[in-house]
Amino acid sequence: MDTVRALQVDAFTDEPLTGNPAGVVPDADGLSEYQMQAIANELALSETAFLHASEAADYRVRYFTPTQEVDLCGHATIGSFAHLSDEGLEPGRTTLETNVGVLEIDVGADGTVWMTQDAPTIREVDVGYDRVANALGVDQAALEGASADLPLAVSSTGLPFLIVPITYLSDLGSAEPDLRAIEDLTDDVDATGVYCFTFDALEPESTLHGRMFAPGAGVPEDPVTGTASGAAGAYLDRFGAFDDDFPDELRLEQGHYVDRPGIVRVRVGSAVQVGGRGVTVLDGSILVPEDEDDEILEA
């Protein structure tokens, strides 16, 4: 039975065993969809990136959760290019073909990876604060207190997230999410997950603190989420969260309530960019299962 190289790269951090762990299969050419899904399920990380050759860009990537393929994943992208940088990829701009199109990736001399995300799309939704509060397991007043200028809305820079502002960190930290209710909620608003945040952050230099739940995609709670952070940055810009003084760079902290703290840097200008570091913590090989068609033929 064949093997392929597989890594775990902790993204949005430079400290091992923090941030968001991503699977990375750096040479996935020849793997079938069935085999990639089986490998992602075995690695049991929120997403695994499978890198392929591309005719449209420098690289092609497909992302799989343990249960399904997703079109885009920020932390697995950061992790993939942090690994490629460690392997000798020169600093500068490269391109990545994804299911949502070709994206630009910039690798800094210090190893920071910047991912230019898709053009933002944002739409307000009317689902009721009572329903959202019950799904998240927080007091309804915690949502209504933050709602004066920042409505419930679905924002996407590649993947759609329901963005939910919450008044205080204590409310966010004590949330007891009902994962089934969140899955039903995200299905109804056509979103991948729920990203809730508060400006009441742990670290004084942070812009906000966020948590993200996507049980419908096989991710009960994601430690540090690049795609949701980009969507949140676009949302804050759209609804004038900082009036006319929007920061040049946002610093979004996440993961502390699942013991995987990390930082996502977000720039909102002519495009939305998400940036971070990554550190490889596992590097080995994994057996490739027989393809589904082969199993049928052998049966």
Protein backbone atom coordinates (compact mmCIF):
# COMPACT_ATOMS: atom_id res chain seq x y z
CA MET A 1 0.00 0.00 0.00
CA ASP A 2 1.31 3.45 -0.93
CA THR A 3 2.05 6.26 1.50
CA VAL A 4 2.06 10.04 1.17
CA ARG A 5 3.76 12.68 3.27
CA ALA A 6 1.42 14.34 5.75
CA LEU A 7 2.06 17.13 8.23
CA GLN A 8 0.35 18.98 11.03
CA VAL A 9 1.06 22.70 10.93
CA ASP A 10 -0.24 24.92 13.72
CA ALA A 11 -1.44 28.10 12.02
CA PHE A 12 -1.85 31.68 13.23
CA THR A 13 0.89 31.15 15.78
CA ASP A 14 4.63 30.61 16.07
CA GLU A 15 4.28 28.61 19.28
CA PRO A 16 3.88 24.83 18.89
CA LEU A 17 0.61 23.31 20.12
CA THR A 18 -1.28 26.59 19.97
CA GLY A 19 -3.23 28.25 17.17
CA ASN A 20 -5.25 26.15 14.75
CA PRO A 21 -3.82 22.78 13.68
CA ALA A 22 -4.15 22.02 9.98
CA GLY A 23 -3.33 18.92 8.04
CA VAL A 24 -1.13 19.47 5.01
CA VAL A 25 -0.48 16.89 2.29
CA PRO A 26 2.14 18.68 0.16
CA ASP A 27 2.02 16.31 -2.83
CA ALA A 28 -1.54 15.14 -3.42
CA ASP A 29 -1.31 14.57 -7.18
CA GLY A 30 -2.87 11.22 -7.98
CA LEU A 31 -5.08 11.05 -4.90
CA SER A 32 -8.79 10.58 -5.55
CA GLU A 33 -11.49 12.52 -3.77
CA TYR A 34 -12.35 9.37 -1.81
CA GLN A 35 -8.72 8.98 -0.68
CA MET A 36 -8.39 12.64 0.31
CA GLN A 37 -11.58 12.45 2.35
CA ALA A 38 -10.37 9.27 4.06
CA ILE A 39 -7.01 10.84 4.92
CA ALA A 40 -8.70 13.99 6.28
CA ASN A 41 -10.98 11.83 8.40
CA GLU A 42 -8.01 9.88 9.76
CA LEU A 43 -6.01 13.02 10.58
CA ALA A 44 -9.15 14.28 12.37
CA LEU A 45 -8.20 17.96 12.15
CA SER A 46 -10.74 20.63 11.33
CA GLU A 47 -9.32 20.93 7.80
CA THR A 48 -6.61 19.25 5.76
CA ALA A 49 -5.14 20.93 2.68
CA PHE A 50 -4.15 18.78 -0.29
CA LEU A 51 -1.71 20.53 -2.64
CA HIS A 52 -1.71 19.70 -6.34
CA ALA A 53 -0.08 20.95 -9.51
CA SER A 54 -2.13 23.58 -11.33
CA GLU A 55 -2.40 24.87 -14.88
CA ALA A 56 -4.05 28.09 -13.68
CA ALA A 57 -1.76 29.06 -10.77
CA ASP A 58 1.44 28.11 -8.99
CA TYR A 59 -0.45 25.61 -6.83
CA ARG A 60 -3.87 23.98 -6.63
CA VAL A 61 -5.45 23.14 -3.27
CA ARG A 62 -8.47 21.20 -2.06
CA TYR A 63 -9.64 21.36 1.54
CA PHE A 64 -11.39 18.59 3.45
CA THR A 65 -12.86 18.51 6.93
CA PRO A 66 -13.24 15.04 8.48
CA THR A 67 -16.68 14.81 6.85
CA GLN A 68 -16.73 16.89 3.65
CA GLU A 69 -14.90 19.09 1.18
CA VAL A 70 -15.04 22.85 1.75
CA ASP A 71 -14.25 25.50 -0.83
CA LEU A 72 -11.83 27.60 1.22
CA CYS A 73 -9.92 27.43 4.48
CA GLY A 74 -7.78 30.22 5.86
CA HIS A 75 -5.74 28.42 8.50
CA ALA A 76 -4.94 25.45 6.25
CA THR A 77 -3.75 27.91 3.59
CA ILE A 78 -1.54 29.72 6.10
CA GLY A 79 -0.24 26.36 7.31
CA SER A 80 0.48 25.12 3.80
CA PHE A 81 2.53 28.14 2.83
CA ALA A 82 4.29 28.26 6.19
CA HIS A 83 5.43 24.71 5.38
CA LEU A 84 6.43 25.65 1.83
CA SER A 85 8.40 28.60 3.23
CA ASP A 86 10.23 26.24 5.57
CA GLU A 87 10.98 24.03 2.55
CA GLY A 88 12.61 26.90 0.66
CA LEU A 89 9.82 28.83 -1.06
CA GLU A 90 11.22 32.29 -1.70
CA PRO A 91 9.50 35.30 -0.11
CA GLY A 92 7.19 37.12 -2.45
CA ARG A 93 3.89 36.63 -4.24
CA THR A 94 2.55 33.32 -5.50
CA THR A 95 -0.87 32.18 -6.68
CA LEU A 96 -3.20 29.47 -5.44
CA GLU A 97 -6.06 27.86 -7.35
CA THR A 98 -9.02 27.08 -5.06
CA ASN A 99 -12.64 26.13 -5.59
CA VAL A 100 -13.55 29.83 -5.29
CA GLY A 101 -10.97 30.97 -7.86
CA VAL A 102 -7.30 31.92 -7.99
CA LEU A 103 -6.06 33.77 -4.90
CA GLU A 104 -2.86 35.70 -4.28
CA ILE A 105 -0.56 34.55 -1.48
CA ASP A 106 2.28 36.72 -0.21
CA VAL A 107 5.05 35.23 1.93
CA GLY A 108 7.04 37.75 3.94
CA ALA A 109 10.72 37.56 4.73
CA ASP A 110 9.78 36.88 8.37
CA GLY A 111 7.61 33.91 7.36
CA THR A 112 4.26 35.68 7.72
CA VAL A 113 1.82 34.39 5.11
CA TRP A 114 -0.77 36.81 3.71
CA MET A 115 -3.80 35.42 1.92
CA THR A 116 -5.84 37.74 -0.31
CA GLN A 117 -9.43 36.59 -0.01
CA ASP A 118 -12.41 36.86 -2.31
CA ALA A 119 -14.32 40.12 -2.79
CA PRO A 120 -16.69 40.59 0.19
CA THR A 121 -20.41 39.96 -0.01
CA ILE A 122 -22.50 41.00 3.00
CA ARG A 123 -26.23 40.72 3.66
CA GLU A 124 -28.25 41.46 6.76
CA VAL A 125 -30.46 38.64 8.04
CA ASP A 126 -33.61 38.70 10.17
CA VAL A 127 -33.50 35.57 12.32
CA GLY A 128 -34.33 37.02 15.73
CA TYR A 129 -31.96 37.63 18.60
CA ASP A 130 -33.83 35.10 20.72
CA ARG A 131 -33.08 32.28 18.29
CA VAL A 132 -29.41 33.21 17.92
CA ALA A 133 -28.98 33.61 21.68
CA ASN A 134 -30.56 30.23 22.36
CA ALA A 135 -28.36 28.55 19.75
CA LEU A 136 -25.20 30.09 21.21
CA GLY A 137 -26.22 29.57 24.82
CA VAL A 138 -25.91 33.23 25.83
CA ASP A 139 -28.34 35.76 27.28
CA GLN A 140 -30.37 37.55 24.63
CA ALA A 141 -29.42 40.86 26.27
CA ALA A 142 -25.76 40.17 25.44
CA LEU A 143 -26.63 40.29 21.74
CA GLU A 144 -29.12 43.13 21.85
CA GLY A 145 -26.66 45.26 23.79
CA ALA A 146 -24.23 45.13 20.89
CA SER A 147 -26.83 45.55 18.16
CA ALA A 148 -27.23 49.33 17.94
CA ASP A 149 -24.84 49.81 15.02
CA LEU A 150 -23.81 46.26 14.19
CA PRO A 151 -26.62 44.03 12.92
CA LEU A 152 -26.73 40.29 12.44
CA ALA A 153 -25.39 39.68 8.95
CA VAL A 154 -23.88 36.97 6.77
CA SER A 155 -20.48 38.05 5.50
CA SER A 156 -18.27 36.18 3.06
CA THR A 157 -14.80 36.62 1.62
CA GLY A 158 -14.89 33.09 0.23
CA LEU A 159 -17.01 31.29 2.82
CA PRO A 160 -20.17 32.78 4.38
CA PHE A 161 -20.43 33.24 8.15
CA LEU A 162 -23.20 34.61 10.30
CA ILE A 163 -21.48 37.45 12.19
CA VAL A 164 -22.81 37.99 15.71
CA PRO A 165 -21.55 40.85 17.93
CA ILE A 166 -21.67 40.24 21.69
CA THR A 167 -21.29 42.89 24.39
CA TYR A 168 -18.79 41.42 26.84
CA LEU A 169 -16.02 38.83 26.87
CA SER A 170 -17.64 37.15 29.88
CA ASP A 171 -20.75 36.49 27.78
CA LEU A 172 -18.72 35.14 24.88
CA GLY A 173 -16.51 33.00 27.10
CA SER A 174 -19.41 31.43 28.98
CA ALA A 175 -21.39 30.53 25.84
CA GLU A 176 -22.80 27.00 25.86
CA PRO A 177 -23.61 26.38 22.19
CA ASP A 178 -26.36 24.02 21.10
CA LEU A 179 -24.63 22.53 18.07
CA ARG A 180 -27.78 21.14 16.52
CA ALA A 181 -29.50 24.52 16.82
CA ILE A 182 -26.45 26.24 15.31
CA GLU A 183 -26.47 23.81 12.40
CA ASP A 184 -30.16 24.51 11.77
CA LEU A 185 -29.52 28.25 12.05
CA THR A 186 -26.63 28.27 9.59
CA ASP A 187 -28.62 26.12 7.16
CA ASP A 188 -31.46 28.64 7.27
CA VAL A 189 -29.23 31.65 6.59
CA ASP A 190 -27.01 29.77 4.10
CA ALA A 191 -23.81 30.13 6.13
CA THR A 192 -20.92 27.80 6.88
CA GLY A 193 -20.78 28.74 10.56
CA VAL A 194 -21.36 31.38 13.20
CA TYR A 195 -18.58 33.82 14.13
CA CYS A 196 -19.36 35.71 17.32
CA PHE A 197 -17.11 38.43 18.66
CA THR A 198 -16.66 41.14 21.26
CA PHE A 199 -14.45 44.21 21.33
CA ASP A 200 -13.84 43.34 24.99
CA ALA A 201 -10.63 41.45 24.20
CA LEU A 202 -8.16 39.67 26.46
CA GLU A 203 -5.05 41.46 25.20
CA PRO A 204 -4.94 45.27 25.03
CA GLU A 205 -3.38 45.27 21.56
CA SER A 206 -6.15 43.06 20.12
CA THR A 207 -9.04 44.54 18.17
CA LEU A 208 -11.53 41.89 19.26
CA HIS A 209 -11.98 38.37 20.56
CA GLY A 210 -13.84 35.83 18.44
CA ARG A 211 -15.23 32.31 18.57
CA MET A 212 -16.46 30.29 15.59
CA PHE A 213 -18.85 27.33 15.48
CA ALA A 214 -19.49 25.30 12.30
CA PRO A 215 -21.01 21.95 13.28
CA GLY A 216 -22.66 21.58 9.87
CA ALA A 217 -19.18 21.42 8.32
CA GLY A 218 -17.94 18.95 10.92
CA VAL A 219 -16.24 21.61 13.07
CA PRO A 220 -17.98 22.06 16.45
CA GLU A 221 -15.63 24.93 17.41
CA ASP A 222 -12.68 26.08 15.36
CA PRO A 223 -9.72 27.41 17.37
CA VAL A 224 -8.56 30.22 15.02
CA THR A 225 -10.38 30.85 11.75
CA GLY A 226 -8.88 32.72 8.80
CA THR A 227 -11.90 32.78 6.51
CA ALA A 228 -14.22 33.93 9.30
CA SER A 229 -11.71 36.59 10.37
CA GLY A 230 -11.61 37.98 6.84
CA ALA A 231 -15.41 37.97 6.74
CA ALA A 232 -15.50 39.75 10.11
CA GLY A 233 -13.08 42.41 8.89
CA ALA A 234 -15.24 43.07 5.84
CA TYR A 235 -18.33 43.19 8.07
CA LEU A 236 -16.76 45.76 10.42
CA ASP A 237 -15.81 47.91 7.45
CA ARG A 238 -19.25 47.64 5.86
CA PHE A 239 -21.09 48.73 9.01
CA GLY A 240 -18.68 51.49 10.02
CA ALA A 241 -17.52 49.95 13.27
CA PHE A 242 -14.67 52.45 13.57
CA ASP A 243 -16.43 55.40 11.94
CA ASP A 244 -13.91 57.10 9.64
CA ASP A 245 -10.85 55.76 11.47
CA PHE A 246 -10.71 52.15 10.30
CA PRO A 247 -7.38 50.62 11.46
CA ASP A 248 -4.74 49.78 8.87
CA GLU A 249 -4.56 46.33 10.43
CA LEU A 250 -6.92 44.45 12.73
CA ARG A 251 -5.68 41.96 15.31
CA LEU A 252 -8.24 39.25 15.97
CA GLU A 253 -7.62 36.90 18.90
CA GLN A 254 -9.31 33.52 19.08
CA GLY A 255 -8.92 30.03 20.52
CA HIS A 256 -8.33 30.82 24.17
CA TYR A 257 -11.50 29.04 25.30
CA VAL A 258 -10.36 25.79 23.66
CA ASP A 259 -6.74 26.15 24.87
CA ARG A 260 -5.42 26.90 21.36
CA PRO A 261 -4.80 30.67 21.40
CA GLY A 262 -3.81 32.38 18.18
CA ILE A 263 -3.84 35.71 16.36
CA VAL A 264 -5.19 36.55 12.91
CA ARG A 265 -4.04 39.76 11.27
CA VAL A 266 -6.58 41.31 8.88
CA ARG A 267 -6.15 44.15 6.41
CA VAL A 268 -9.19 45.67 4.72
CA GLY A 269 -8.51 47.86 1.71
CA SER A 270 -9.07 47.31 -1.99
CA ALA A 271 -9.06 43.61 -0.98
CA VAL A 272 -9.31 41.70 2.28
CA GLN A 273 -6.05 40.10 3.40
CA VAL A 274 -5.61 37.63 6.25
CA GLY A 275 -2.15 37.01 7.65
CA GLY A 276 -0.37 34.82 10.16
CA ARG A 277 2.51 32.52 10.93
CA GLY A 278 2.68 28.74 11.18
CA VAL A 279 4.84 26.09 12.82
CA THR A 280 5.15 22.44 11.78
CA VAL A 281 4.66 20.10 14.75
CA LEU A 282 4.31 16.72 12.99
CA ASP A 283 5.96 15.50 9.78
CA GLY A 284 5.52 11.91 8.65
CA SER A 285 3.69 9.65 6.24
CA ILE A 286 0.24 8.12 6.10
CA LEU A 287 -1.01 5.03 4.29
CA VAL A 288 -3.22 5.78 1.30
CA PRO A 289 -6.38 3.69 1.37
CA GLU A 290 -7.49 1.76 -1.67
CA ASP A 291 -9.66 3.87 -3.89
CA GLU A 292 -13.41 3.37 -3.60
CA ASP A 293 -13.60 2.02 -7.16
CA ASP A 294 -10.80 -0.46 -6.43
CA GLU A 295 -12.70 -1.77 -3.40
CA ILE A 296 -15.80 -2.28 -5.52
CA LEU A 297 -13.81 -4.20 -8.14
CA GLU A 298 -12.22 -6.42 -5.49
CA ALA A 299 -15.51 -7.20 -3.72
